[in-house]
Amino acid sequence: MKTEKNRIWNFKEDVDLENCGEGVNRRIMAYADEAMCVVNHFEEGAIGAMHHHPHTQITYVAAGKFEFTVNGEKKTVQTGDVLLKRESVEHGCVCLEKGILVDFFTPMREEFV
């Protein structure tokens, strides 16, 4: 099932895993107008295409290793690292080792629901 807006309790096993492209799947775990939490699962070699959006995004690397490009700067991040991507800044990644990224958006990404 899909997560409902403003739902307090959101259990992983109750939320559908959505395919977002080759080797990338996500779960929209919780959201309200002001914020959204999305868990992204990447297979090794999967690409998060370069893009930008009018949301501030914090990404926590829950597992794995990724090469990120943010605003033209390229760095490798791994489990425990965090990135801050301000609104409209172009960013994308390549998964170097199978992993999980947890994204927090403000405001919520309406196009995801």
Protein backbone atom coordinates (compact mmCIF):
# COMPACT_ATOMS: atom_id res chain seq x y z
CA MET A 1 0.00 0.00 0.00
CA LYS A 2 0.99 3.63 -0.32
CA THR A 3 1.69 5.76 2.71
CA GLU A 4 -1.05 8.21 3.58
CA LYS A 5 -0.39 11.88 4.24
CA ASN A 6 -0.02 12.70 7.96
CA ARG A 7 -0.02 9.01 9.02
CA ILE A 8 1.79 8.73 12.36
CA TRP A 9 2.87 5.08 12.26
CA ASN A 10 4.54 3.88 9.04
CA PHE A 11 5.94 0.35 9.06
CA LYS A 12 8.32 -0.76 6.30
CA GLU A 13 6.48 -4.02 5.67
CA ASP A 14 3.24 -2.09 5.06
CA VAL A 15 4.65 0.32 2.46
CA ASP A 16 5.04 -0.70 -1.19
CA LEU A 17 8.50 -0.66 -2.76
CA GLU A 18 8.25 1.36 -6.00
CA ASN A 19 10.58 0.92 -8.97
CA CYS A 20 12.26 4.21 -9.93
CA GLY A 21 14.57 2.96 -12.65
CA GLU A 22 17.11 0.25 -13.27
CA GLY A 23 18.47 -0.90 -9.91
CA VAL A 24 16.64 1.78 -7.88
CA ASN A 25 13.56 1.26 -5.71
CA ARG A 26 12.00 3.52 -3.08
CA ARG A 27 9.53 3.57 -0.23
CA ILE A 28 7.78 6.81 0.66
CA MET A 29 7.74 6.25 4.39
CA ALA A 30 6.05 9.36 5.78
CA TYR A 31 4.94 12.80 4.67
CA ALA A 32 3.05 15.93 5.53
CA ASP A 33 2.90 19.22 3.63
CA GLU A 34 6.08 20.42 5.35
CA ALA A 35 8.31 17.35 5.03
CA MET A 36 8.79 13.89 3.50
CA CYS A 37 10.95 10.84 4.27
CA VAL A 38 11.88 8.48 1.41
CA VAL A 39 14.04 5.34 1.65
CA ASN A 40 15.89 4.51 -1.59
CA HIS A 41 17.45 1.09 -2.31
CA PHE A 42 20.27 1.03 -4.89
CA GLU A 43 21.95 -1.92 -6.56
CA GLU A 44 25.65 -1.58 -7.35
CA GLY A 45 26.07 0.43 -10.57
CA ALA A 46 22.61 2.01 -10.38
CA ILE A 47 22.40 5.69 -11.27
CA GLY A 48 20.43 8.49 -9.66
CA ALA A 49 20.26 10.77 -12.72
CA MET A 50 21.35 14.40 -12.42
CA HIS A 51 18.35 16.57 -11.55
CA HIS A 52 17.16 19.50 -9.46
CA HIS A 53 13.94 20.46 -7.70
CA PRO A 54 12.57 23.32 -5.60
CA HIS A 55 12.99 21.39 -2.33
CA THR A 56 15.76 21.29 0.25
CA GLN A 57 16.95 17.69 0.59
CA ILE A 58 19.03 16.01 3.28
CA THR A 59 20.38 12.57 2.35
CA TYR A 60 21.61 10.10 4.97
CA VAL A 61 23.69 7.19 3.67
CA ALA A 62 22.23 4.28 5.66
CA ALA A 63 24.30 1.64 3.82
CA GLY A 64 26.70 1.32 0.91
CA LYS A 65 28.99 3.65 -0.99
CA PHE A 66 28.04 6.29 -3.57
CA GLU A 67 29.72 8.83 -5.82
CA PHE A 68 27.65 12.02 -5.65
CA THR A 69 27.85 15.12 -7.79
CA VAL A 70 26.32 18.17 -6.11
CA ASN A 71 26.49 21.56 -7.82
CA GLY A 72 29.36 20.35 -10.02
CA GLU A 73 31.44 18.95 -7.13
CA LYS A 74 32.05 15.19 -7.03
CA LYS A 75 32.72 13.25 -3.79
CA THR A 76 32.44 9.68 -2.54
CA VAL A 77 30.19 9.09 0.48
CA GLN A 78 29.51 5.96 2.50
CA THR A 79 27.52 4.60 5.44
CA GLY A 80 26.94 7.28 8.06
CA ASP A 81 27.64 10.29 5.82
CA VAL A 82 25.07 13.04 5.21
CA LEU A 83 24.56 15.50 2.33
CA LEU A 84 22.61 18.76 2.30
CA LYS A 85 21.25 19.77 -1.10
CA ARG A 86 19.60 23.17 -1.15
CA GLU A 87 16.64 23.92 -3.40
CA SER A 88 17.35 24.01 -7.15
CA VAL A 89 20.93 22.67 -6.81
CA GLU A 90 21.69 20.04 -9.46
CA HIS A 91 22.68 16.65 -8.04
CA GLY A 92 22.89 12.95 -8.85
CA CYS A 93 24.79 9.81 -7.89
CA VAL A 94 26.23 6.46 -8.92
CA CYS A 95 26.03 3.54 -6.51
CA LEU A 96 29.52 2.08 -6.00
CA GLU A 97 28.45 -0.56 -3.45
CA LYS A 98 24.86 -1.75 -2.95
CA GLY A 99 23.22 0.62 -0.50
CA ILE A 100 20.38 2.60 0.98
CA LEU A 101 19.86 6.37 0.97
CA VAL A 102 17.32 8.00 3.28
CA ASP A 103 16.06 11.31 1.89
CA PHE A 104 14.29 14.03 3.83
CA PHE A 105 12.60 16.74 1.78
CA THR A 106 11.07 20.06 2.72
CA PRO A 107 8.46 20.76 1.59
CA MET A 108 7.14 17.34 0.54
CA ARG A 109 7.60 16.14 -3.06
CA GLU A 110 4.01 16.25 -4.31
CA GLU A 111 4.96 14.53 -7.58
CA PHE A 112 6.00 11.42 -5.58
CA VAL A 113 2.45 10.80 -4.39
